[in-house]
């Protein structure tokens, strides 16, 4: 079997990515997130029972209801090998590894899943292999140990189901299933909520009201089935968790967020007053403005592209990327993983010719990934119990952390601005709409 140069490079990247990912399966992840919380919760849920845990557990807990089920399953599976923190950590990271493999598969097989025109098969393999290797993704999945990629995978499956060309009855069921899957994703991690306005906007503008109804019914039924048992045994905890995870701005200093980190360090952010407004109010105004601008970028060419599945799906992913950037930049602090949806979307967008051959777009993806990776390193190193892998701590021996925070913030904000510029200036020649 003969392979061309691009295929050989892609295979090399996959092998290298697999080495980095598998190597870090054997190290403890972010100690607080993985051991002090998720491992402890999984063990407690196993000992008490899932619903009894939800009803009576009196320790710290701020995750969504279905996350308990996931931690319960991983903990009980780890007991087959030995009731240790090591096996829980190993299996959780293995799940993340498999999740990223599936996302790589979506990038590569996208034209097989829905009828869209993309770059060549060899170039799609290259993009998917780069995604698999890029440290901004595998650091979260296989060093940190968080399953943010799982939320994105379920969200992408939900969106793809709406574009699958099936007979009418099957399309109705696909919309129902799409809503159900997205609901499950949300009850695992709240970031999935960002998919909802994107999908609703698409269905409303495209006047697919039956799909919209079936999608909504899927969300409602899945939500009832997912949350009803937890609500019945302890409604107060359910409400508390929803309030906690929905207000990540409460984690910041006086409303300061990623945007302000590029201007002034977060410890002094409450001193910033512009035009008589606190930065918290300014942040909310900027969040609304950037959200409206993101929708405008999607809407401005909608009538021209709505008949093209390729352009419609691409622009929907682009809108999701911008919405995630708005949320990350103006509603969460810099020390978070909440840009993960946009990072993965940036690679999915690269399979479309217009982006793959656009040097500015590729440069912007690079800036985004570099800024996000530095951000993860800073957060991981800031917790004193994260003693492994040692290369993370060694990286900061001669580094000024505050300077790195500012650099990371500017990289992310610059990439956001460039993505907006690219979206605003994008044109669609007639041949692109075939």
Protein backbone atom coordinates (compact mmCIF):
# COMPACT_ATOMS: atom_id res chain seq x y z
CA UNK A 1 0.00 0.00 0.00
CA UNK A 2 1.40 3.37 -1.04
CA UNK A 3 0.86 6.57 0.90
CA UNK A 4 1.37 10.08 -0.38
CA UNK A 5 3.34 12.69 1.56
CA UNK A 6 0.31 14.23 3.32
CA UNK A 7 -0.93 10.82 4.47
CA UNK A 8 2.52 9.92 5.84
CA UNK A 9 2.66 13.20 7.77
CA UNK A 10 -0.84 12.60 9.13
CA UNK A 11 0.01 9.10 10.33
CA UNK A 12 3.16 10.45 12.01
CA UNK A 13 1.09 13.12 13.80
CA UNK A 14 -1.44 10.50 14.98
CA UNK A 15 1.38 8.32 16.36
CA UNK A 16 2.94 11.33 18.11
CA UNK A 17 -0.43 12.46 19.48
CA UNK A 18 -1.12 8.95 20.77
CA UNK A 19 2.24 8.92 22.55
CA UNK A 20 1.55 12.21 24.36
CA UNK A 21 -1.98 11.20 25.29
CA UNK A 22 -1.22 7.64 26.45
CA UNK A 23 1.89 8.78 28.33
CA UNK A 24 -0.19 11.18 30.44
CA UNK A 25 -2.83 8.57 31.29
CA UNK A 26 -0.44 7.34 33.98
CA UNK A 27 -0.17 10.70 35.77
CA UNK A 28 -2.72 12.14 38.16
CA UNK A 29 -4.75 14.90 36.54
CA UNK A 30 -5.79 18.17 38.11
CA UNK A 31 -5.82 16.98 41.73
CA UNK A 32 -8.80 19.00 42.90
CA UNK A 33 -10.98 18.30 39.86
CA UNK A 34 -10.16 14.61 39.51
CA UNK A 35 -9.28 13.27 42.97
CA UNK A 36 -10.65 15.66 45.59
CA UNK A 37 -14.00 16.02 43.84
CA UNK A 38 -14.89 13.59 41.04
CA UNK A 39 -13.20 10.55 42.57
CA UNK A 40 -14.67 11.36 45.98
CA UNK A 41 -18.13 11.89 44.46
CA UNK A 42 -17.95 8.69 42.42
CA UNK A 43 -16.93 6.70 45.49
CA UNK A 44 -19.63 8.29 47.65
CA UNK A 45 -22.29 7.68 44.98
CA UNK A 46 -21.22 4.04 44.80
CA UNK A 47 -21.40 3.61 48.57
CA UNK A 48 -24.62 5.57 49.12
CA UNK A 49 -26.39 4.95 45.80
CA UNK A 50 -26.79 7.70 43.19
CA UNK A 51 -30.10 9.13 44.42
CA UNK A 52 -29.18 8.76 48.09
CA UNK A 53 -25.96 10.64 47.29
CA UNK A 54 -28.00 13.43 45.71
CA UNK A 55 -30.31 13.52 48.70
CA UNK A 56 -27.89 13.25 51.61
CA UNK A 57 -24.31 13.95 50.54
CA UNK A 58 -23.12 16.81 52.76
CA UNK A 59 -19.74 17.54 51.20
CA UNK A 60 -18.81 20.10 48.55
CA UNK A 61 -20.57 19.47 45.24
CA UNK A 62 -21.16 21.83 42.29
CA UNK A 63 -21.57 19.56 39.24
CA UNK A 64 -24.63 18.74 37.16
CA UNK A 65 -26.85 15.72 38.07
CA UNK A 66 -25.79 13.39 35.25
CA UNK A 67 -22.13 13.97 36.10
CA UNK A 68 -22.81 11.92 39.24
CA UNK A 69 -23.94 9.03 37.05
CA UNK A 70 -20.76 9.31 34.95
CA UNK A 71 -18.50 9.42 38.02
CA UNK A 72 -20.44 6.51 39.56
CA UNK A 73 -19.89 4.39 36.43
CA UNK A 74 -16.19 5.24 36.14
CA UNK A 75 -15.59 4.54 39.82
CA UNK A 76 -17.33 1.16 39.73
CA UNK A 77 -15.47 0.22 36.56
CA UNK A 78 -12.19 1.19 38.22
CA UNK A 79 -12.94 -1.19 41.11
CA UNK A 80 -12.52 -4.10 38.70
CA UNK A 81 -8.82 -3.24 38.53
CA UNK A 82 -8.47 -2.00 42.10
CA UNK A 83 -10.20 0.57 44.26
CA UNK A 84 -7.59 3.25 43.80
CA UNK A 85 -7.41 6.83 42.65
CA UNK A 86 -4.98 5.76 39.93
CA UNK A 87 -7.47 3.58 38.08
CA UNK A 88 -10.25 6.16 38.38
CA UNK A 89 -7.94 8.81 36.91
CA UNK A 90 -6.72 6.38 34.22
CA UNK A 91 -10.22 5.39 33.09
CA UNK A 92 -11.53 8.97 33.12
CA UNK A 93 -8.65 10.09 30.90
CA UNK A 94 -9.14 7.05 28.68
CA UNK A 95 -12.77 8.11 28.15
CA UNK A 96 -11.51 11.55 27.16
CA UNK A 97 -9.03 9.98 24.75
CA UNK A 98 -11.78 7.94 23.08
CA UNK A 99 -13.97 11.05 22.91
CA UNK A 100 -11.28 13.01 21.06
CA UNK A 101 -10.83 10.08 18.66
CA UNK A 102 -14.53 10.28 17.83
CA UNK A 103 -14.25 14.03 17.24
CA UNK A 104 -11.28 13.38 14.95
CA UNK A 105 -13.53 10.91 13.15
CA UNK A 106 -16.23 13.55 12.68
CA UNK A 107 -13.64 15.93 11.21
CA UNK A 108 -12.44 13.25 8.79
CA UNK A 109 -15.80 11.68 7.88
CA UNK A 110 -17.93 14.86 7.84
CA UNK A 111 -18.89 14.60 4.11
CA UNK A 112 -19.96 11.00 4.77
CA UNK A 113 -22.17 12.07 7.67
CA UNK A 114 -23.87 14.96 5.89
CA UNK A 115 -23.76 16.02 2.24
CA UNK A 116 -21.22 18.83 2.36
CA UNK A 117 -18.34 19.74 0.10
CA UNK A 118 -14.99 19.77 1.84
CA UNK A 119 -11.28 19.59 1.16
CA UNK A 120 -9.79 16.32 -0.11
CA UNK A 121 -9.76 13.13 1.92
CA UNK A 122 -5.99 13.41 2.47
CA UNK A 123 -6.28 16.99 3.74
CA UNK A 124 -9.16 16.07 6.06
CA UNK A 125 -6.95 13.35 7.52
CA UNK A 126 -4.25 15.99 8.02
CA UNK A 127 -6.65 18.33 9.84
CA UNK A 128 -8.03 15.56 12.05
CA UNK A 129 -4.51 14.37 12.92
CA UNK A 130 -3.43 17.92 13.83
CA UNK A 131 -6.50 18.21 16.06
CA UNK A 132 -5.56 14.91 17.71
CA UNK A 133 -2.00 16.13 18.31
CA UNK A 134 -2.54 19.78 19.27
CA UNK A 135 -1.69 20.26 22.99
CA UNK A 136 -4.52 22.73 23.67
CA UNK A 137 -6.91 19.76 23.33
CA UNK A 138 -4.97 16.82 24.75
CA UNK A 139 -3.81 18.85 27.75
CA UNK A 140 -7.42 19.30 28.88
CA UNK A 141 -8.37 15.69 28.08
CA UNK A 142 -5.27 13.73 29.06
CA UNK A 143 -3.23 15.90 31.42
CA UNK A 144 -5.91 17.86 33.24
CA UNK A 145 -8.42 15.01 32.94
CA UNK A 146 -11.57 17.05 32.34
CA UNK A 147 -14.19 15.72 29.91
CA UNK A 148 -15.06 18.98 28.14
CA UNK A 149 -14.62 17.21 24.80
CA UNK A 150 -17.54 14.91 25.68
CA UNK A 151 -19.88 17.91 25.78
CA UNK A 152 -18.65 19.08 22.38
CA UNK A 153 -18.95 15.59 20.87
CA UNK A 154 -22.58 15.23 21.99
CA UNK A 155 -23.35 18.78 20.82
CA UNK A 156 -21.85 18.14 17.37
CA UNK A 157 -23.79 14.88 17.04
CA UNK A 158 -26.93 16.82 17.92
CA UNK A 159 -26.24 19.39 15.17
CA UNK A 160 -25.27 16.78 12.56
CA UNK A 161 -28.52 14.87 13.13
CA UNK A 162 -30.44 17.96 11.99
CA UNK A 163 -28.60 17.93 8.64
CA UNK A 164 -28.85 14.23 7.81
CA UNK A 165 -30.89 13.77 4.63
CA UNK A 166 -33.42 11.03 5.46
CA UNK A 167 -37.09 10.39 4.64
CA UNK A 168 -39.48 12.77 6.42
CA UNK A 169 -40.36 10.44 9.30
CA UNK A 170 -36.70 9.72 9.98
CA UNK A 171 -35.88 13.44 9.87
CA UNK A 172 -38.57 14.06 12.48
CA UNK A 173 -37.04 11.40 14.71
CA UNK A 174 -33.55 12.80 14.09
CA UNK A 175 -34.71 16.20 15.35
CA UNK A 176 -36.27 14.57 18.41
CA UNK A 177 -33.08 12.56 19.03
CA UNK A 178 -30.99 15.69 18.49
CA UNK A 179 -32.83 17.51 21.27
CA UNK A 180 -32.56 14.50 23.57
CA UNK A 181 -28.80 14.15 23.09
CA UNK A 182 -28.19 17.86 23.61
CA UNK A 183 -30.24 17.76 26.82
CA UNK A 184 -28.13 14.86 28.14
CA UNK A 185 -24.99 16.81 27.27
CA UNK A 186 -26.27 19.80 29.26
CA UNK A 187 -27.07 17.74 32.34
CA UNK A 188 -23.48 16.46 32.28
CA UNK A 189 -21.88 19.91 31.80
CA UNK A 190 -23.63 23.23 31.47
CA UNK A 191 -21.47 24.48 28.55
CA UNK A 192 -23.77 22.56 26.22
CA UNK A 193 -26.31 25.38 26.66
CA UNK A 194 -24.29 27.35 24.07
CA UNK A 195 -25.51 24.98 21.34
CA UNK A 196 -29.18 25.79 22.07
CA UNK A 197 -29.46 29.39 20.72
CA UNK A 198 -27.39 28.41 17.67
CA UNK A 199 -29.69 25.52 16.76
CA UNK A 200 -32.90 27.45 17.50
CA UNK A 201 -31.76 30.39 15.38
CA UNK A 202 -30.97 28.07 12.47
CA UNK A 203 -34.33 26.26 12.63
CA UNK A 204 -36.30 29.49 12.98
CA UNK A 205 -34.55 31.30 10.13
CA UNK A 206 -34.81 28.24 7.91
CA UNK A 207 -38.52 27.97 8.80
CA UNK A 208 -38.18 24.33 9.78
CA UNK A 209 -40.92 24.53 12.37
CA UNK A 210 -41.64 20.82 12.51
CA UNK A 211 -38.00 20.08 13.20
CA UNK A 212 -38.07 22.82 15.79
CA UNK A 213 -41.05 21.26 17.52
CA UNK A 214 -39.54 17.76 17.51
CA UNK A 215 -36.21 19.13 18.71
CA UNK A 216 -37.93 20.96 21.57
CA UNK A 217 -39.99 17.90 22.52
CA UNK A 218 -36.76 15.87 22.58
CA UNK A 219 -35.18 18.39 24.95
CA UNK A 220 -38.22 18.43 27.25
CA UNK A 221 -38.64 14.65 27.48
CA UNK A 222 -34.92 14.03 27.91
CA UNK A 223 -34.74 16.74 30.58
CA UNK A 224 -37.64 15.25 32.50
CA UNK A 225 -36.14 11.76 32.37
CA UNK A 226 -32.69 13.07 33.30
CA UNK A 227 -33.58 15.37 36.14
CA UNK A 228 -36.89 14.13 37.60
CA UNK A 229 -35.34 11.49 39.91
CA UNK A 230 -32.85 14.03 41.27
CA UNK A 231 -35.50 16.71 41.65
CA UNK A 232 -37.83 14.38 43.54
CA UNK A 233 -35.24 13.34 46.11
CA UNK A 234 -33.67 16.77 46.64
CA UNK A 235 -35.06 19.74 44.72
CA UNK A 236 -33.03 22.21 46.78
CA UNK A 237 -29.71 20.67 45.74
CA UNK A 238 -30.88 20.58 42.11
CA UNK A 239 -31.74 24.29 42.18
CA UNK A 240 -28.51 25.15 43.98
CA UNK A 241 -26.36 23.30 41.44
CA UNK A 242 -28.15 24.95 38.51
CA UNK A 243 -27.66 28.39 40.03
CA UNK A 244 -24.01 27.69 40.77
CA UNK A 245 -22.96 26.36 37.39
CA UNK A 246 -25.02 28.88 35.43
CA UNK A 247 -23.31 31.87 37.03
CA UNK A 248 -19.63 31.35 36.33
CA UNK A 249 -19.21 35.12 36.40
CA UNK A 250 -19.50 34.77 40.18
CA UNK A 251 -16.06 33.12 40.04
CA UNK A 252 -14.47 36.35 38.91
CA UNK A 253 -13.36 39.37 40.90
CA UNK A 254 -16.17 41.90 40.74
CA UNK A 255 -17.17 40.68 37.29
CA UNK A 256 -13.66 40.78 35.84
CA UNK A 257 -13.04 38.29 33.08
CA UNK A 258 -10.73 37.31 30.30
CA UNK A 259 -11.12 40.64 28.54
CA UNK A 260 -9.94 42.64 31.55
CA UNK A 261 -7.05 40.28 32.26
CA UNK A 262 -5.38 41.66 29.14
CA UNK A 263 -5.64 45.19 30.53
CA UNK A 264 -5.06 44.91 34.25
CA UNK A 265 -4.45 42.04 36.61
CA UNK A 266 -7.56 40.58 38.19
CA UNK A 267 -6.59 41.56 41.74
CA UNK A 268 -6.96 45.24 40.87
CA UNK A 269 -9.91 44.83 38.51
CA UNK A 270 -12.44 46.23 40.96
CA UNK A 271 -10.63 49.56 40.72
CA UNK A 272 -11.47 49.92 37.04
CA UNK A 273 -14.39 52.29 36.46
CA UNK A 274 -15.15 53.59 32.98
CA UNK A 275 -17.78 56.24 32.37
CA UNK A 276 -19.29 55.66 35.81
CA UNK A 277 -19.85 51.96 35.10
CA UNK A 278 -18.18 49.10 36.92
CA UNK A 279 -16.36 46.53 34.84
CA UNK A 280 -19.06 44.00 35.70
CA UNK A 281 -21.69 46.12 33.93
CA UNK A 282 -19.35 46.91 31.06
CA UNK A 283 -18.63 43.19 30.68
CA UNK A 284 -22.33 42.39 30.42
CA UNK A 285 -22.81 45.14 27.83
CA UNK A 286 -19.88 43.81 25.80
CA UNK A 287 -21.25 40.27 26.13
CA UNK A 288 -24.56 41.37 24.60
CA UNK A 289 -22.87 43.40 21.86
CA UNK A 290 -20.53 40.57 20.87
CA UNK A 291 -23.46 38.12 20.90
CA UNK A 292 -25.51 40.37 18.61
CA UNK A 293 -22.51 40.84 16.31
CA UNK A 294 -22.04 37.06 16.13
CA UNK A 295 -25.67 36.59 15.12
CA UNK A 296 -25.36 39.38 12.54
CA UNK A 297 -22.36 37.65 10.94
CA UNK A 298 -24.47 34.50 10.61
CA UNK A 299 -27.59 36.31 9.41
CA UNK A 300 -26.09 38.76 6.90
CA UNK A 301 -25.65 36.12 4.21
CA UNK A 302 -28.32 33.69 5.35
CA UNK A 303 -30.72 34.19 2.45
CA UNK A 304 -27.88 33.66 0.00
CA UNK A 305 -26.47 30.52 1.61
CA UNK A 306 -29.57 28.80 3.02
CA UNK A 307 -29.96 26.60 -0.05
CA UNK A 308 -26.38 25.34 0.30
CA UNK A 309 -25.99 22.66 2.97
CA UNK A 310 -22.23 23.14 2.90
CA UNK A 311 -22.30 26.89 3.56
CA UNK A 312 -25.19 26.65 6.00
CA UNK A 313 -23.51 24.05 8.20
CA UNK A 314 -20.17 25.85 8.03
CA UNK A 315 -21.74 29.13 9.10
CA UNK A 316 -23.62 27.42 11.90
CA UNK A 317 -20.34 26.07 13.27
CA UNK A 318 -18.83 29.55 12.83
CA UNK A 319 -21.69 31.07 14.85
CA UNK A 320 -21.15 28.49 17.59
CA UNK A 321 -17.46 29.41 17.68
CA UNK A 322 -18.23 33.12 18.04
CA UNK A 323 -20.90 32.56 20.70
CA UNK A 324 -18.44 30.49 22.74
CA UNK A 325 -15.81 33.23 22.36
CA UNK A 326 -18.30 35.84 23.59
CA UNK A 327 -19.16 33.75 26.63
CA UNK A 328 -15.52 32.96 27.42
CA UNK A 329 -14.26 36.50 26.93
CA UNK A 330 -16.94 38.48 28.73
CA UNK A 331 -18.63 36.05 31.14
CA UNK A 332 -15.90 33.84 32.61
CA UNK A 333 -12.54 34.48 34.19
CA UNK A 334 -9.37 33.71 32.28
CA UNK A 335 -8.69 30.68 34.47
CA UNK A 336 -11.21 28.36 32.88
CA UNK A 337 -11.58 25.70 30.17
CA UNK A 338 -14.71 27.23 28.71
CA UNK A 339 -13.29 27.98 25.26
CA UNK A 340 -13.14 24.28 24.42
CA UNK A 341 -16.14 24.36 22.08
CA UNK A 342 -14.61 27.14 19.96
CA UNK A 343 -11.22 25.42 19.83
CA UNK A 344 -12.75 22.21 18.45
CA UNK A 345 -15.00 24.19 16.06
CA UNK A 346 -11.93 25.93 14.63
CA UNK A 347 -10.58 22.57 13.45
CA UNK A 348 -13.93 21.44 12.10
CA UNK A 349 -14.11 24.66 10.08
CA UNK A 350 -10.74 23.87 8.51
CA UNK A 351 -12.26 21.03 6.46
CA UNK A 352 -14.06 23.63 4.34
CA UNK A 353 -12.08 24.89 1.36
CA UNK A 354 -12.62 28.58 2.06
CA UNK A 355 -10.96 28.25 5.47
CA UNK A 356 -8.33 25.63 4.65
CA UNK A 357 -6.87 27.85 1.92
CA UNK A 358 -7.16 31.07 3.97
CA UNK A 359 -3.80 31.88 5.58
CA UNK A 360 -5.37 34.43 7.93
CA UNK A 361 -7.87 31.85 9.16
CA UNK A 362 -5.11 29.30 9.79
CA UNK A 363 -3.05 31.94 11.63
CA UNK A 364 -6.09 32.80 13.76
CA UNK A 365 -6.62 29.14 14.67
CA UNK A 366 -2.96 29.00 15.70
CA UNK A 367 -3.30 32.09 17.92
CA UNK A 368 -6.42 30.69 19.57
CA UNK A 369 -4.83 27.34 20.33
CA UNK A 370 -1.60 28.87 21.62
CA UNK A 371 -3.44 31.26 23.94
CA UNK A 372 -5.74 28.51 25.20
CA UNK A 373 -2.80 26.15 25.84
CA UNK A 374 -0.86 28.76 27.82
CA UNK A 375 -4.04 29.42 29.77
CA UNK A 376 -4.29 25.73 30.73
CA UNK A 377 -0.65 25.59 31.81
CA UNK A 378 -1.11 28.63 34.05
CA UNK A 379 -4.21 27.24 35.76
CA UNK A 380 -2.79 23.75 36.18
CA UNK A 381 0.44 25.04 37.71
CA UNK A 382 -1.41 27.40 40.08
CA UNK A 383 -2.71 24.52 42.24
CA UNK A 384 0.07 23.33 44.55
CA UNK A 385 -1.13 19.70 44.64
CA UNK A 386 -0.64 19.31 40.89
CA UNK A 387 2.88 17.92 41.20
CA UNK A 388 2.83 15.77 38.05
CA UNK A 389 3.64 15.71 35.23
CA UNK A 390 6.77 17.56 36.30
CA UNK A 391 7.34 19.24 32.93
CA UNK A 392 4.46 21.63 33.66
CA UNK A 393 6.09 22.92 36.84
CA UNK A 394 9.51 23.05 35.18
CA UNK A 395 8.04 25.25 32.44
CA UNK A 396 7.27 27.95 35.03
CA UNK A 397 10.62 27.92 36.87
CA UNK A 398 11.95 30.97 35.03
CA UNK A 399 8.63 32.43 33.89
CA UNK A 400 6.67 35.44 35.14
CA UNK A 401 3.17 34.02 35.58
CA UNK A 402 1.49 37.42 35.44
CA UNK A 403 3.14 38.18 32.10
CA UNK A 404 2.02 34.80 30.75
CA UNK A 405 -1.56 35.53 31.84
CA UNK A 406 -1.53 38.80 29.91
CA UNK A 407 0.03 37.12 26.86
CA UNK A 408 -2.56 34.34 26.97
CA UNK A 409 -5.39 36.87 27.25
CA UNK A 410 -4.16 38.94 24.32
CA UNK A 411 -3.69 35.87 22.15
CA UNK A 412 -7.26 34.76 22.82
CA UNK A 413 -8.76 38.24 22.41
CA UNK A 414 -6.77 38.82 19.20
CA UNK A 415 -8.00 35.54 17.75
CA UNK A 416 -11.57 36.51 18.69
CA UNK A 417 -11.19 39.84 16.90
CA UNK A 418 -9.73 38.13 13.83
CA UNK A 419 -12.52 35.54 13.70
CA UNK A 420 -15.03 38.42 13.80
CA UNK A 421 -13.17 40.25 11.01
CA UNK A 422 -13.05 37.13 8.85
CA UNK A 423 -16.75 36.58 9.41
CA UNK A 424 -17.66 40.18 8.57
CA UNK A 425 -15.59 40.29 5.36
CA UNK A 426 -16.49 36.80 4.09
CA UNK A 427 -18.11 36.67 0.63
CA UNK A 428 -19.84 33.86 -1.22
CA UNK A 429 -19.26 33.62 -4.95
CA UNK A 430 -21.97 31.69 -6.79
CA UNK A 431 -19.69 28.69 -7.33
CA UNK A 432 -19.39 28.29 -3.53
CA UNK A 433 -23.14 27.89 -3.24
CA UNK A 434 -23.56 24.99 -5.63
